[in-house]
Amino acid sequence: MTRRTFHSVTGSESGAAVRRLTATDRIALLIATAGGAGYSPVAPGTAGSAVTALLLWLVPFSRSGLALFLVAVVVVGTWAAHRAEPVLGGKDPGAIVIDEVAGMALSVLVFPLTVPVLVAGFFLFRLFDVVKPPPAHGSQKLRGGVGVMIDDLIAGAYALAVLGAAHWLFGWP
C-alpha cells in the first residue's frame, strides 16, 4: 500500500519551491474545502452550498444552534481560508468553499430548516453569490481569509433579506 504525499507549490526568488504540507495545512484544507466538497470538478461553490443545505436539513439545529454553527464557521473558516489560499495558490481559489457554507447558513438563519426554505435559500444564495451586488463585488479586494469570506456573507445576507421580505409580504416560506 502506497502512502500519498501532498505538496504545495509556492513562489520563491529562485522559482517554484515545493514544500511538504504540515498537519495544520491539511486541517486548514479539510475545513476550507468543506470536507472535500470544494474539489468537485464541476461548480465547487454550488457543491459546497448543496452540501451545506443537506447538512442543515439533516442536523436538527435549533435557531441558537444554527447561529452558533454560523459563528464557528465564520471564525474557523476565515482562519482556514487564510491558511489554504497560499497552499492552493492564488486569491480565493475555487476549491475553498467554506465561504459558501457560511453564506448558505446565513441565508436561512431565522427560518425553520424545511425543504422549501432550504431550496429557496440555496437558489437565492447562489444567485447573489454569482451576481455579487454591491458591496459584495468590491469586498473581494480584501486580502486573506476575510476577503474570501466576506462576499459570500453579503450574498447570504441578501438571500436572507429576500426570504424575509417574501415571508412578510406573502407569508412564505
N, C-alpha and C. Protein backbone atom coordinates (compact mmCIF):
# COMPACT_ATOMS: atom_id res chain seq x y z
N MET A 1 0.85 -1.18 0.00
CA MET A 1 0.00 0.00 0.00
C MET A 1 0.90 1.23 0.00
N THR A 2 0.65 2.13 -0.94
CA THR A 2 1.47 3.34 -1.01
C THR A 2 0.79 4.46 -0.25
N ARG A 3 1.61 5.33 0.28
CA ARG A 3 1.10 6.47 1.02
C ARG A 3 1.18 7.70 0.14
N ARG A 4 0.09 8.43 0.10
CA ARG A 4 0.03 9.64 -0.70
C ARG A 4 0.74 10.78 0.02
N THR A 5 1.55 11.52 -0.71
CA THR A 5 2.22 12.68 -0.15
C THR A 5 1.70 13.91 -0.84
N PHE A 6 1.24 14.87 -0.07
CA PHE A 6 0.74 16.12 -0.61
C PHE A 6 1.82 17.18 -0.49
N HIS A 7 1.95 17.95 -1.53
CA HIS A 7 2.91 19.04 -1.54
C HIS A 7 2.23 20.32 -1.96
N SER A 8 2.81 21.40 -1.60
CA SER A 8 2.35 22.72 -2.01
C SER A 8 3.43 23.37 -2.85
N VAL A 9 3.02 24.04 -3.91
CA VAL A 9 3.97 24.77 -4.73
C VAL A 9 3.83 26.24 -4.35
N THR A 10 4.90 26.84 -3.93
CA THR A 10 4.89 28.25 -3.57
C THR A 10 5.98 28.97 -4.35
N GLY A 11 5.73 30.23 -4.62
CA GLY A 11 6.72 31.02 -5.35
C GLY A 11 7.90 31.37 -4.47
N SER A 12 9.06 31.44 -5.07
CA SER A 12 10.25 31.89 -4.36
C SER A 12 11.12 32.65 -5.35
N GLU A 13 12.17 33.29 -4.87
CA GLU A 13 13.04 34.08 -5.73
C GLU A 13 13.71 33.21 -6.79
N SER A 14 14.00 31.97 -6.47
CA SER A 14 14.70 31.10 -7.41
C SER A 14 13.75 30.23 -8.21
N GLY A 15 12.46 30.58 -8.23
CA GLY A 15 11.49 29.78 -8.97
C GLY A 15 10.52 29.12 -8.02
N ALA A 16 9.86 28.07 -8.49
CA ALA A 16 8.87 27.38 -7.66
C ALA A 16 9.58 26.46 -6.68
N ALA A 17 9.17 26.53 -5.45
CA ALA A 17 9.71 25.65 -4.43
C ALA A 17 8.59 24.72 -3.96
N VAL A 18 8.91 23.48 -3.73
CA VAL A 18 7.93 22.51 -3.26
C VAL A 18 8.19 22.26 -1.79
N ARG A 19 7.12 22.32 -1.00
CA ARG A 19 7.27 22.04 0.42
C ARG A 19 6.19 21.05 0.85
N ARG A 20 6.49 20.27 1.83
CA ARG A 20 5.53 19.31 2.37
C ARG A 20 4.47 20.07 3.17
N LEU A 21 3.26 19.60 3.08
CA LEU A 21 2.20 20.23 3.86
C LEU A 21 2.31 19.79 5.31
N THR A 22 2.12 20.73 6.20
CA THR A 22 2.12 20.42 7.62
C THR A 22 0.74 19.89 8.01
N ALA A 23 0.64 19.35 9.19
CA ALA A 23 -0.65 18.88 9.70
C ALA A 23 -1.64 20.05 9.77
N THR A 24 -1.15 21.23 10.14
CA THR A 24 -2.02 22.41 10.20
C THR A 24 -2.53 22.77 8.82
N ASP A 25 -1.67 22.67 7.79
CA ASP A 25 -2.10 22.92 6.42
C ASP A 25 -3.21 21.96 6.02
N ARG A 26 -3.04 20.71 6.35
CA ARG A 26 -4.03 19.68 5.99
C ARG A 26 -5.37 19.93 6.68
N ILE A 27 -5.33 20.32 7.94
CA ILE A 27 -6.56 20.65 8.67
C ILE A 27 -7.23 21.86 8.03
N ALA A 28 -6.43 22.87 7.70
CA ALA A 28 -6.98 24.06 7.05
C ALA A 28 -7.62 23.71 5.72
N LEU A 29 -6.98 22.85 4.94
CA LEU A 29 -7.54 22.43 3.65
C LEU A 29 -8.84 21.65 3.84
N LEU A 30 -8.87 20.77 4.82
CA LEU A 30 -10.08 19.99 5.09
C LEU A 30 -11.25 20.92 5.43
N ILE A 31 -11.00 21.91 6.25
CA ILE A 31 -12.04 22.87 6.63
C ILE A 31 -12.38 23.78 5.44
N ALA A 32 -11.37 24.34 4.80
CA ALA A 32 -11.59 25.30 3.72
C ALA A 32 -12.35 24.69 2.55
N THR A 33 -12.13 23.40 2.29
CA THR A 33 -12.82 22.73 1.19
C THR A 33 -14.11 22.04 1.64
N ALA A 34 -14.53 22.33 2.85
CA ALA A 34 -15.76 21.73 3.42
C ALA A 34 -15.72 20.21 3.29
N GLY A 35 -14.66 19.64 3.83
CA GLY A 35 -14.54 18.19 3.83
C GLY A 35 -14.27 17.60 2.45
N GLY A 36 -13.85 18.43 1.51
CA GLY A 36 -13.53 17.96 0.17
C GLY A 36 -14.55 18.36 -0.88
N ALA A 37 -15.67 18.94 -0.49
CA ALA A 37 -16.69 19.36 -1.47
C ALA A 37 -16.12 20.35 -2.47
N GLY A 38 -15.15 21.14 -2.04
CA GLY A 38 -14.54 22.13 -2.92
C GLY A 38 -13.72 21.53 -4.04
N TYR A 39 -13.42 20.24 -3.96
CA TYR A 39 -12.67 19.59 -5.02
C TYR A 39 -13.59 19.06 -6.12
N SER A 40 -14.86 19.38 -6.05
CA SER A 40 -15.79 18.97 -7.10
C SER A 40 -15.28 19.49 -8.44
N PRO A 41 -15.26 18.63 -9.47
CA PRO A 41 -14.74 19.08 -10.76
C PRO A 41 -15.67 20.06 -11.48
N VAL A 42 -16.92 20.09 -11.07
CA VAL A 42 -17.90 20.99 -11.69
C VAL A 42 -18.53 21.83 -10.59
N ALA A 43 -18.49 23.14 -10.73
CA ALA A 43 -19.16 24.09 -9.84
C ALA A 43 -18.90 23.81 -8.35
N PRO A 44 -17.66 23.93 -7.90
CA PRO A 44 -17.37 23.64 -6.50
C PRO A 44 -18.15 24.51 -5.51
N GLY A 45 -18.42 25.77 -5.85
CA GLY A 45 -19.20 26.63 -4.95
C GLY A 45 -20.62 26.13 -4.80
N THR A 46 -21.20 25.67 -5.89
CA THR A 46 -22.54 25.10 -5.84
C THR A 46 -22.52 23.80 -5.04
N ALA A 47 -21.48 23.00 -5.22
CA ALA A 47 -21.36 21.75 -4.46
C ALA A 47 -21.26 22.05 -2.96
N GLY A 48 -20.46 23.05 -2.59
CA GLY A 48 -20.34 23.41 -1.18
C GLY A 48 -21.66 23.91 -0.61
N SER A 49 -22.40 24.67 -1.39
CA SER A 49 -23.71 25.17 -0.95
C SER A 49 -24.70 24.03 -0.80
N ALA A 50 -24.68 23.09 -1.75
CA ALA A 50 -25.60 21.94 -1.70
C ALA A 50 -25.30 21.04 -0.51
N VAL A 51 -24.02 20.81 -0.25
CA VAL A 51 -23.64 20.00 0.93
C VAL A 51 -24.13 20.69 2.20
N THR A 52 -24.02 22.00 2.24
CA THR A 52 -24.48 22.75 3.42
C THR A 52 -25.99 22.65 3.58
N ALA A 53 -26.74 22.80 2.48
CA ALA A 53 -28.20 22.67 2.55
C ALA A 53 -28.58 21.29 3.05
N LEU A 54 -27.90 20.27 2.56
CA LEU A 54 -28.18 18.90 3.02
C LEU A 54 -27.86 18.75 4.51
N LEU A 55 -26.74 19.28 4.94
CA LEU A 55 -26.36 19.24 6.36
C LEU A 55 -27.41 19.94 7.22
N LEU A 56 -27.86 21.11 6.77
CA LEU A 56 -28.85 21.87 7.53
C LEU A 56 -30.19 21.13 7.59
N TRP A 57 -30.50 20.36 6.58
CA TRP A 57 -31.73 19.58 6.58
C TRP A 57 -31.60 18.36 7.50
N LEU A 58 -30.42 17.73 7.52
CA LEU A 58 -30.23 16.51 8.29
C LEU A 58 -29.99 16.74 9.78
N VAL A 59 -29.31 17.82 10.13
CA VAL A 59 -28.98 18.10 11.53
C VAL A 59 -30.10 18.96 12.13
N PRO A 60 -30.68 18.51 13.23
CA PRO A 60 -31.80 19.26 13.83
C PRO A 60 -31.32 20.48 14.64
N PHE A 61 -30.81 21.48 13.93
CA PHE A 61 -30.33 22.70 14.59
C PHE A 61 -31.50 23.48 15.17
N SER A 62 -31.33 23.95 16.40
CA SER A 62 -32.23 24.97 16.93
C SER A 62 -31.79 26.30 16.32
N ARG A 63 -32.57 27.33 16.48
CA ARG A 63 -32.17 28.64 15.94
C ARG A 63 -30.86 29.10 16.57
N SER A 64 -30.73 28.94 17.89
CA SER A 64 -29.47 29.35 18.54
C SER A 64 -28.33 28.41 18.14
N GLY A 65 -28.62 27.15 17.94
CA GLY A 65 -27.61 26.21 17.48
C GLY A 65 -27.09 26.57 16.09
N LEU A 66 -28.00 26.98 15.21
CA LEU A 66 -27.60 27.40 13.88
C LEU A 66 -26.77 28.68 13.94
N ALA A 67 -27.14 29.60 14.82
CA ALA A 67 -26.37 30.83 14.98
C ALA A 67 -24.95 30.51 15.47
N LEU A 68 -24.83 29.60 16.43
CA LEU A 68 -23.50 29.20 16.91
C LEU A 68 -22.71 28.50 15.82
N PHE A 69 -23.38 27.66 15.03
CA PHE A 69 -22.73 26.99 13.91
C PHE A 69 -22.19 28.03 12.94
N LEU A 70 -23.01 29.03 12.62
CA LEU A 70 -22.59 30.08 11.69
C LEU A 70 -21.38 30.84 12.23
N VAL A 71 -21.41 31.22 13.48
CA VAL A 71 -20.28 31.95 14.08
C VAL A 71 -19.02 31.08 14.02
N ALA A 72 -19.14 29.81 14.36
CA ALA A 72 -17.98 28.91 14.32
C ALA A 72 -17.44 28.77 12.90
N VAL A 73 -18.33 28.64 11.92
CA VAL A 73 -17.90 28.52 10.52
C VAL A 73 -17.19 29.79 10.08
N VAL A 74 -17.72 30.94 10.45
CA VAL A 74 -17.09 32.21 10.05
C VAL A 74 -15.70 32.34 10.69
N VAL A 75 -15.60 32.07 11.97
CA VAL A 75 -14.31 32.25 12.66
C VAL A 75 -13.29 31.22 12.17
N VAL A 76 -13.65 29.95 12.24
CA VAL A 76 -12.72 28.89 11.84
C VAL A 76 -12.49 28.92 10.33
N GLY A 77 -13.55 29.21 9.57
CA GLY A 77 -13.44 29.27 8.12
C GLY A 77 -12.54 30.40 7.65
N THR A 78 -12.58 31.53 8.32
CA THR A 78 -11.71 32.65 7.96
C THR A 78 -10.26 32.25 8.16
N TRP A 79 -9.96 31.61 9.28
CA TRP A 79 -8.60 31.12 9.52
C TRP A 79 -8.20 30.09 8.46
N ALA A 80 -9.08 29.12 8.20
CA ALA A 80 -8.76 28.05 7.25
C ALA A 80 -8.57 28.59 5.84
N ALA A 81 -9.42 29.52 5.42
CA ALA A 81 -9.30 30.11 4.09
C ALA A 81 -7.99 30.89 3.97
N HIS A 82 -7.65 31.61 5.02
CA HIS A 82 -6.41 32.39 5.03
C HIS A 82 -5.20 31.45 4.89
N ARG A 83 -5.25 30.34 5.58
CA ARG A 83 -4.15 29.37 5.55
C ARG A 83 -4.13 28.58 4.24
N ALA A 84 -5.31 28.28 3.69
CA ALA A 84 -5.40 27.43 2.49
C ALA A 84 -5.07 28.19 1.21
N GLU A 85 -5.31 29.50 1.18
CA GLU A 85 -5.05 30.27 -0.04
C GLU A 85 -3.63 30.07 -0.59
N PRO A 86 -2.59 30.26 0.21
CA PRO A 86 -1.25 30.07 -0.35
C PRO A 86 -0.94 28.61 -0.67
N VAL A 87 -1.55 27.69 0.04
CA VAL A 87 -1.32 26.27 -0.24
C VAL A 87 -1.91 25.90 -1.60
N LEU A 88 -3.13 26.39 -1.87
CA LEU A 88 -3.80 26.08 -3.13
C LEU A 88 -3.33 26.99 -4.27
N GLY A 89 -2.82 28.15 -3.91
CA GLY A 89 -2.30 29.08 -4.90
C GLY A 89 -3.36 30.05 -5.38
N GLY A 90 -3.03 31.32 -5.38
CA GLY A 90 -3.94 32.33 -5.91
C GLY A 90 -4.89 32.90 -4.88
N LYS A 91 -5.59 33.94 -5.31
CA LYS A 91 -6.58 34.61 -4.45
C LYS A 91 -7.90 33.89 -4.57
N ASP A 92 -8.47 33.48 -3.46
CA ASP A 92 -9.78 32.82 -3.38
C ASP A 92 -9.93 31.70 -4.41
N PRO A 93 -9.08 30.68 -4.33
CA PRO A 93 -9.19 29.57 -5.28
C PRO A 93 -10.55 28.86 -5.16
N GLY A 94 -11.01 28.31 -6.25
CA GLY A 94 -12.33 27.69 -6.31
C GLY A 94 -12.53 26.56 -5.31
N ALA A 95 -11.47 25.88 -4.93
CA ALA A 95 -11.60 24.75 -4.00
C ALA A 95 -12.01 25.21 -2.60
N ILE A 96 -11.76 26.47 -2.27
CA ILE A 96 -12.17 26.97 -0.95
C ILE A 96 -13.67 27.27 -1.02
N VAL A 97 -14.45 26.49 -0.28
CA VAL A 97 -15.91 26.64 -0.28
C VAL A 97 -16.49 26.83 1.12
N ILE A 98 -15.63 27.01 2.11
CA ILE A 98 -16.15 27.25 3.46
C ILE A 98 -16.93 28.55 3.50
N ASP A 99 -16.61 29.48 2.59
CA ASP A 99 -17.37 30.71 2.49
C ASP A 99 -18.79 30.45 2.01
N GLU A 100 -18.98 29.47 1.15
CA GLU A 100 -20.33 29.08 0.73
C GLU A 100 -21.10 28.44 1.89
N VAL A 101 -20.41 27.70 2.73
CA VAL A 101 -21.05 27.12 3.92
C VAL A 101 -21.60 28.24 4.80
N ALA A 102 -20.78 29.25 5.03
CA ALA A 102 -21.21 30.38 5.87
C ALA A 102 -22.36 31.14 5.23
N GLY A 103 -22.24 31.47 3.95
CA GLY A 103 -23.29 32.22 3.26
C GLY A 103 -24.60 31.47 3.19
N MET A 104 -24.54 30.18 2.92
CA MET A 104 -25.76 29.36 2.86
C MET A 104 -26.42 29.31 4.24
N ALA A 105 -25.64 29.11 5.28
CA ALA A 105 -26.19 29.07 6.64
C ALA A 105 -26.83 30.41 7.01
N LEU A 106 -26.18 31.51 6.64
CA LEU A 106 -26.74 32.83 6.92
C LEU A 106 -28.06 33.05 6.18
N SER A 107 -28.16 32.54 4.96
CA SER A 107 -29.34 32.80 4.13
C SER A 107 -30.64 32.25 4.74
N VAL A 108 -30.53 31.27 5.62
CA VAL A 108 -31.73 30.65 6.22
C VAL A 108 -31.74 30.77 7.74
N LEU A 109 -30.92 31.63 8.27
CA LEU A 109 -30.66 31.71 9.71
C LEU A 109 -31.91 31.84 10.58
N VAL A 110 -32.89 32.60 10.18
CA VAL A 110 -34.04 32.88 11.05
C VAL A 110 -35.28 32.05 10.70
N PHE A 111 -35.13 31.11 9.80
CA PHE A 111 -36.29 30.33 9.34
C PHE A 111 -36.19 28.89 9.81
N PRO A 112 -37.35 28.21 9.89
CA PRO A 112 -37.30 26.77 10.15
C PRO A 112 -36.61 26.08 8.97
N LEU A 113 -35.80 25.09 9.24
CA LEU A 113 -35.00 24.46 8.20
C LEU A 113 -35.80 23.39 7.47
N THR A 114 -36.83 23.83 6.78
CA THR A 114 -37.68 22.94 5.99
C THR A 114 -37.13 22.85 4.56
N VAL A 115 -37.59 21.88 3.81
CA VAL A 115 -37.14 21.72 2.43
C VAL A 115 -37.43 22.97 1.60
N PRO A 116 -38.65 23.55 1.65
CA PRO A 116 -38.88 24.76 0.85
C PRO A 116 -37.95 25.93 1.22
N VAL A 117 -37.71 26.12 2.50
CA VAL A 117 -36.81 27.19 2.94
C VAL A 117 -35.39 26.93 2.44
N LEU A 118 -34.91 25.71 2.58
CA LEU A 118 -33.55 25.38 2.16
C LEU A 118 -33.38 25.49 0.65
N VAL A 119 -34.38 25.06 -0.12
CA VAL A 119 -34.30 25.16 -1.57
C VAL A 119 -34.31 26.64 -2.00
N ALA A 120 -35.23 27.42 -1.43
CA ALA A 120 -35.29 28.84 -1.76
C ALA A 120 -34.00 29.55 -1.34
N GLY A 121 -33.53 29.25 -0.12
CA GLY A 121 -32.28 29.85 0.36
C GLY A 121 -31.11 29.48 -0.52
N PHE A 122 -31.05 28.22 -0.95
CA PHE A 122 -29.98 27.74 -1.82
C PHE A 122 -29.96 28.53 -3.13
N PHE A 123 -31.11 28.61 -3.82
CA PHE A 123 -31.14 29.30 -5.11
C PHE A 123 -30.89 30.80 -4.97
N LEU A 124 -31.45 31.41 -3.95
CA LEU A 124 -31.21 32.84 -3.74
C LEU A 124 -29.75 33.12 -3.40
N PHE A 125 -29.19 32.30 -2.52
CA PHE A 125 -27.79 32.49 -2.16
C PHE A 125 -26.89 32.32 -3.37
N ARG A 126 -27.11 31.28 -4.18
CA ARG A 126 -26.28 31.06 -5.36
C ARG A 126 -26.42 32.24 -6.34
N LEU A 127 -27.65 32.74 -6.50
CA LEU A 127 -27.87 33.88 -7.38
C LEU A 127 -27.04 35.09 -6.93
N PHE A 128 -27.16 35.44 -5.65
CA PHE A 128 -26.44 36.61 -5.14
C PHE A 128 -24.93 36.37 -5.08
N ASP A 129 -24.51 35.12 -4.89
CA ASP A 129 -23.09 34.82 -4.87
C ASP A 129 -22.48 34.98 -6.27
N VAL A 130 -23.23 34.61 -7.29
CA VAL A 130 -22.75 34.75 -8.67
C VAL A 130 -22.81 36.20 -9.14
N VAL A 131 -23.95 36.87 -8.88
CA VAL A 131 -24.14 38.25 -9.35
C VAL A 131 -23.27 39.24 -8.58
N LYS A 132 -23.07 38.99 -7.30
CA LYS A 132 -22.27 39.84 -6.41
C LYS A 132 -22.68 41.32 -6.46
N PRO A 133 -23.92 41.62 -6.02
CA PRO A 133 -24.33 43.03 -5.99
C PRO A 133 -23.52 43.79 -4.93
N PRO A 134 -23.45 45.12 -5.08
CA PRO A 134 -22.68 45.91 -4.11
C PRO A 134 -23.20 45.69 -2.69
N PRO A 135 -22.36 45.65 -1.74
CA PRO A 135 -20.91 45.82 -1.77
C PRO A 135 -20.14 44.50 -1.91
N ALA A 136 -20.80 43.41 -2.28
CA ALA A 136 -20.14 42.11 -2.36
C ALA A 136 -18.98 42.12 -3.35
N HIS A 137 -19.20 42.68 -4.52
CA HIS A 137 -18.14 42.68 -5.54
C HIS A 137 -16.90 43.43 -5.04
N GLY A 138 -17.10 44.60 -4.51
CA GLY A 138 -15.98 45.41 -4.02
C GLY A 138 -15.26 44.78 -2.83
N SER A 139 -15.98 44.00 -2.04
CA SER A 139 -15.38 43.40 -0.85
C SER A 139 -14.33 42.35 -1.19
N GLN A 140 -14.34 41.86 -2.41
CA GLN A 140 -13.37 40.84 -2.82
C GLN A 140 -11.95 41.39 -2.88
N LYS A 141 -11.79 42.70 -2.80
CA LYS A 141 -10.46 43.30 -2.81
C LYS A 141 -9.73 43.04 -1.49
N LEU A 142 -10.48 42.71 -0.45
CA LEU A 142 -9.85 42.42 0.83
C LEU A 142 -9.00 41.17 0.70
N ARG A 143 -7.92 41.12 1.45
CA ARG A 143 -6.98 40.00 1.34
C ARG A 143 -7.24 38.94 2.39
N GLY A 144 -6.72 37.76 2.13
CA GLY A 144 -6.73 36.67 3.08
C GLY A 144 -8.10 36.08 3.33
N GLY A 145 -8.25 35.46 4.47
CA GLY A 145 -9.48 34.78 4.82
C GLY A 145 -10.69 35.69 4.87
N VAL A 146 -10.50 36.93 5.32
CA VAL A 146 -11.62 37.89 5.36
C VAL A 146 -12.11 38.17 3.95
N GLY A 147 -11.19 38.36 3.01
CA GLY A 147 -11.57 38.61 1.63
C GLY A 147 -12.29 37.43 1.00
N VAL A 148 -11.93 36.22 1.39
CA VAL A 148 -12.60 35.02 0.88
C VAL A 148 -14.03 34.95 1.43
N MET A 149 -14.20 35.23 2.70
CA MET A 149 -15.48 35.02 3.37
C MET A 149 -16.51 36.13 3.15
N ILE A 150 -16.08 37.37 3.07
CA ILE A 150 -17.00 38.50 3.18
C ILE A 150 -18.02 38.56 2.05
N ASP A 151 -17.63 38.31 0.81
CA ASP A 151 -18.60 38.43 -0.29
C ASP A 151 -19.70 37.39 -0.18
N ASP A 152 -19.38 36.21 0.34
CA ASP A 152 -20.40 35.18 0.50
C ASP A 152 -21.32 35.48 1.68
N LEU A 153 -20.79 36.11 2.70
CA LEU A 153 -21.65 36.54 3.81
C LEU A 153 -22.61 37.64 3.35
N ILE A 154 -22.13 38.52 2.48
CA ILE A 154 -23.00 39.56 1.93
C ILE A 154 -24.08 38.91 1.05
N ALA A 155 -23.69 37.95 0.22
CA ALA A 155 -24.66 37.23 -0.62
C ALA A 155 -25.69 36.51 0.25
N GLY A 156 -25.23 35.91 1.35
CA GLY A 156 -26.15 35.25 2.28
C GLY A 156 -27.11 36.23 2.93
N ALA A 157 -26.61 37.43 3.24
CA ALA A 157 -27.47 38.46 3.84
C ALA A 157 -28.53 38.93 2.84
N TYR A 158 -28.15 39.08 1.58
CA TYR A 158 -29.12 39.43 0.54
C TYR A 158 -30.19 38.35 0.42
N ALA A 159 -29.78 37.10 0.39
CA ALA A 159 -30.73 35.98 0.29
C ALA A 159 -31.66 35.97 1.50
N LEU A 160 -31.11 36.18 2.68
CA LEU A 160 -31.92 36.24 3.90
C LEU A 160 -32.93 37.37 3.82
N ALA A 161 -32.51 38.53 3.31
CA ALA A 161 -33.41 39.68 3.19
C ALA A 161 -34.56 39.37 2.22
N VAL A 162 -34.27 38.71 1.11
CA VAL A 162 -35.32 38.37 0.15
C VAL A 162 -36.27 37.34 0.76
N LEU A 163 -35.73 36.34 1.43
CA LEU A 163 -36.61 35.36 2.10
C LEU A 163 -37.46 36.04 3.17
N GLY A 164 -36.87 36.97 3.93
CA GLY A 164 -37.62 37.72 4.93
C GLY A 164 -38.72 38.55 4.31
N ALA A 165 -38.44 39.21 3.20
CA ALA A 165 -39.46 40.01 2.51
C ALA A 165 -40.58 39.12 1.97
N ALA A 166 -40.22 37.97 1.42
CA ALA A 166 -41.23 37.02 0.92
C ALA A 166 -42.12 36.52 2.07
N HIS A 167 -41.51 36.31 3.22
CA HIS A 167 -42.28 35.86 4.38
C HIS A 167 -43.22 36.96 4.87
N TRP A 168 -42.71 38.18 4.94
CA TRP A 168 -43.50 39.31 5.42
C TRP A 168 -44.62 39.65 4.45
N LEU A 169 -44.31 39.66 3.15
CA LEU A 169 -45.32 40.05 2.15
C LEU A 169 -46.33 38.95 1.83
N PHE A 170 -45.85 37.72 1.75
CA PHE A 170 -46.70 36.63 1.26
C PHE A 170 -46.92 35.51 2.26
N GLY A 171 -46.28 35.60 3.41
CA GLY A 171 -46.39 34.52 4.40
C GLY A 171 -45.63 33.27 4.00
N TRP A 172 -44.73 33.41 3.04
CA TRP A 172 -43.93 32.27 2.58
C TRP A 172 -42.47 32.63 2.60
N PRO A 173 -41.58 31.84 2.93
CA PRO A 173 -41.75 30.47 3.39
C PRO A 173 -42.14 30.43 4.85
